[in-house]
């Protein structure tokens, strides 16, 4: 009697899924930024309240046009993904240039007047001020920001 190998159907499903996702396009979504190579990305100094700060944000052409770059400091690095708008919130993932990016992100938000909310961990925290709520997380090397305008 011949037994079926359960791996074969799973491999076929995975191949079809990958193939169908490869055909997806962001042509209709102007709020999506594709990953940038090191040579095509630039950074500008963020206003984090200190002139000697090493934290910097991404330039405006990498972020959605209404992203609050003056109010939400981003760590220095390459913006990998940036999408959203004021009505729905923004999500920005930065591939940092430094190795202490999560700590740098926390320091920059605190220096900008944000208050850390209870429940922060070594890899995730939520900060608020009068205008915005910023959840910052490091799922590994990158730093992801989820920013929402307070109503």
Protein backbone atom coordinates (compact mmCIF):
# COMPACT_ATOMS: atom_id res chain seq x y z
CA UNK A 1 0.00 0.00 0.00
CA UNK A 2 1.30 3.41 -0.95
CA UNK A 3 1.15 6.26 1.60
CA UNK A 4 0.90 9.92 0.71
CA UNK A 5 3.66 12.30 1.60
CA UNK A 6 1.96 15.25 3.44
CA UNK A 7 4.85 17.53 2.49
CA UNK A 8 4.05 17.50 -1.25
CA UNK A 9 0.59 19.22 -1.00
CA UNK A 10 2.01 21.78 1.44
CA UNK A 11 4.89 22.54 -0.94
CA UNK A 12 2.48 23.00 -3.84
CA UNK A 13 0.29 25.37 -1.81
CA UNK A 14 3.35 27.36 -0.73
CA UNK A 15 4.62 27.62 -4.31
CA UNK A 16 1.23 28.80 -5.58
CA UNK A 17 0.92 31.34 -2.76
CA UNK A 18 4.37 32.76 -3.41
CA UNK A 19 3.69 32.90 -7.13
CA UNK A 20 0.40 34.72 -6.65
CA UNK A 21 1.94 37.21 -4.21
CA UNK A 22 4.74 37.95 -6.65
CA UNK A 23 2.12 39.27 -9.03
CA UNK A 24 0.78 41.78 -6.49
CA UNK A 25 1.41 45.42 -7.24
CA UNK A 26 1.44 48.63 -5.24
CA UNK A 27 0.76 50.77 -8.31
CA UNK A 28 -2.61 51.91 -6.97
CA UNK A 29 -1.43 52.66 -3.43
CA UNK A 30 0.47 55.93 -3.13
CA UNK A 31 0.95 55.44 0.62
CA UNK A 32 3.29 52.47 0.18
CA UNK A 33 7.05 52.98 0.00
CA UNK A 34 9.15 50.20 -1.44
CA UNK A 35 12.37 49.15 0.27
CA UNK A 36 15.27 51.43 -0.51
CA UNK A 37 18.84 50.45 -1.18
CA UNK A 38 21.53 52.16 0.83
CA UNK A 39 22.53 54.31 -2.15
CA UNK A 40 19.00 55.56 -2.82
CA UNK A 41 18.01 56.56 0.69
CA UNK A 42 18.91 59.61 2.69
CA UNK A 43 18.30 60.79 6.23
CA UNK A 44 17.78 64.16 7.79
CA UNK A 45 18.37 65.20 11.39
CA UNK A 46 15.20 64.97 13.48
CA UNK A 47 14.27 67.68 15.92
CA UNK A 48 14.38 65.69 19.12
CA UNK A 49 15.06 68.66 21.38
CA UNK A 50 18.83 68.19 21.54
CA UNK A 51 21.33 69.56 19.06
CA UNK A 52 23.78 66.74 19.70
CA UNK A 53 21.24 63.95 19.22
CA UNK A 54 22.23 61.05 17.00
CA UNK A 55 18.57 60.20 16.24
CA UNK A 56 17.34 61.24 12.85
CA UNK A 57 14.26 60.81 10.76
CA UNK A 58 13.68 59.85 7.19
CA UNK A 59 13.25 62.51 4.55
CA UNK A 60 9.73 63.49 3.57
CA UNK A 61 9.80 61.75 0.16
CA UNK A 62 10.11 58.38 1.95
CA UNK A 63 7.09 58.91 4.18
CA UNK A 64 3.41 59.50 3.40
CA UNK A 65 2.94 63.21 2.72
CA UNK A 66 0.92 63.79 5.91
CA UNK A 67 3.21 61.81 8.27
CA UNK A 68 3.99 64.02 11.32
CA UNK A 69 7.76 63.91 10.87
CA UNK A 70 8.26 67.03 13.02
CA UNK A 71 6.31 65.50 15.92
CA UNK A 72 7.39 61.84 15.71
CA UNK A 73 11.17 61.31 15.68
CA UNK A 74 12.39 58.23 13.83
CA UNK A 75 15.69 56.43 14.39
CA UNK A 76 18.47 56.95 11.89
CA UNK A 77 18.36 54.37 9.14
CA UNK A 78 16.62 53.28 5.96
CA UNK A 79 12.83 53.41 5.79
CA UNK A 80 11.81 49.93 4.65
CA UNK A 81 8.02 50.38 4.71
CA UNK A 82 5.91 53.49 5.22
CA UNK A 83 2.18 53.65 4.72
CA UNK A 84 -0.97 55.16 6.12
CA UNK A 85 -2.65 58.51 6.54
CA UNK A 86 -3.96 60.81 9.27
CA UNK A 87 -7.43 59.23 9.26
CA UNK A 88 -6.21 55.64 9.69
CA UNK A 89 -2.79 56.10 11.28
CA UNK A 90 0.68 55.40 9.93
CA UNK A 91 2.99 52.41 10.06
CA UNK A 92 6.69 52.94 9.48
CA UNK A 93 9.45 50.34 9.66
CA UNK A 94 13.06 51.52 9.77
CA UNK A 95 16.16 49.40 9.23
CA UNK A 96 18.42 51.21 11.71
CA UNK A 97 22.00 52.19 11.11
CA UNK A 98 22.89 51.67 14.78
CA UNK A 99 22.72 48.61 17.01
CA UNK A 100 20.76 50.22 19.88
CA UNK A 101 17.85 51.40 17.74
CA UNK A 102 15.02 50.46 20.11
CA UNK A 103 16.67 52.31 23.01
CA UNK A 104 17.38 55.25 20.65
CA UNK A 105 13.72 55.29 19.56
CA UNK A 106 12.57 55.35 23.18
CA UNK A 107 15.00 58.13 24.10
CA UNK A 108 13.99 60.27 21.13
CA UNK A 109 10.29 59.96 21.96
CA UNK A 110 10.90 60.83 25.62
CA UNK A 111 13.07 63.81 24.60
CA UNK A 112 10.22 65.01 22.37
CA UNK A 113 7.87 65.05 25.39
CA UNK A 114 6.14 61.69 25.00
CA UNK A 115 5.12 59.76 28.12
CA UNK A 116 5.77 56.02 28.27
CA UNK A 117 2.64 54.04 29.09
CA UNK A 118 2.62 51.11 31.56
CA UNK A 119 3.41 47.66 30.16
CA UNK A 120 6.59 48.46 28.22
CA UNK A 121 8.97 45.58 27.57
CA UNK A 122 12.49 45.23 26.18
CA UNK A 123 11.07 45.14 22.66
CA UNK A 124 7.76 47.06 22.70
CA UNK A 125 6.43 50.26 24.25
CA UNK A 126 3.64 52.79 23.80
CA UNK A 127 4.18 56.54 24.13
CA UNK A 128 1.63 59.35 24.15
CA UNK A 129 1.51 63.12 24.05
CA UNK A 130 -1.35 65.56 23.39
CA UNK A 131 -1.30 64.95 19.63
CA UNK A 132 -0.20 61.35 18.99
CA UNK A 133 0.03 57.83 20.35
CA UNK A 134 3.12 55.98 19.14
CA UNK A 135 3.60 52.24 19.59
CA UNK A 136 7.22 51.33 18.93
CA UNK A 137 8.37 47.75 18.57
CA UNK A 138 11.44 45.87 17.46
CA UNK A 139 10.57 42.53 15.92
CA UNK A 140 14.28 41.85 15.49
CA UNK A 141 16.74 44.31 14.02
CA UNK A 142 14.22 46.75 12.53
CA UNK A 143 12.10 49.26 14.48
CA UNK A 144 8.42 49.58 13.66
CA UNK A 145 6.32 52.59 14.59
CA UNK A 146 2.51 52.59 14.67
CA UNK A 147 1.37 56.21 14.94
CA UNK A 148 -2.19 57.40 15.50
CA UNK A 149 -3.55 60.90 15.94
CA UNK A 150 -5.36 61.40 19.24
CA UNK A 151 -8.97 62.43 18.79
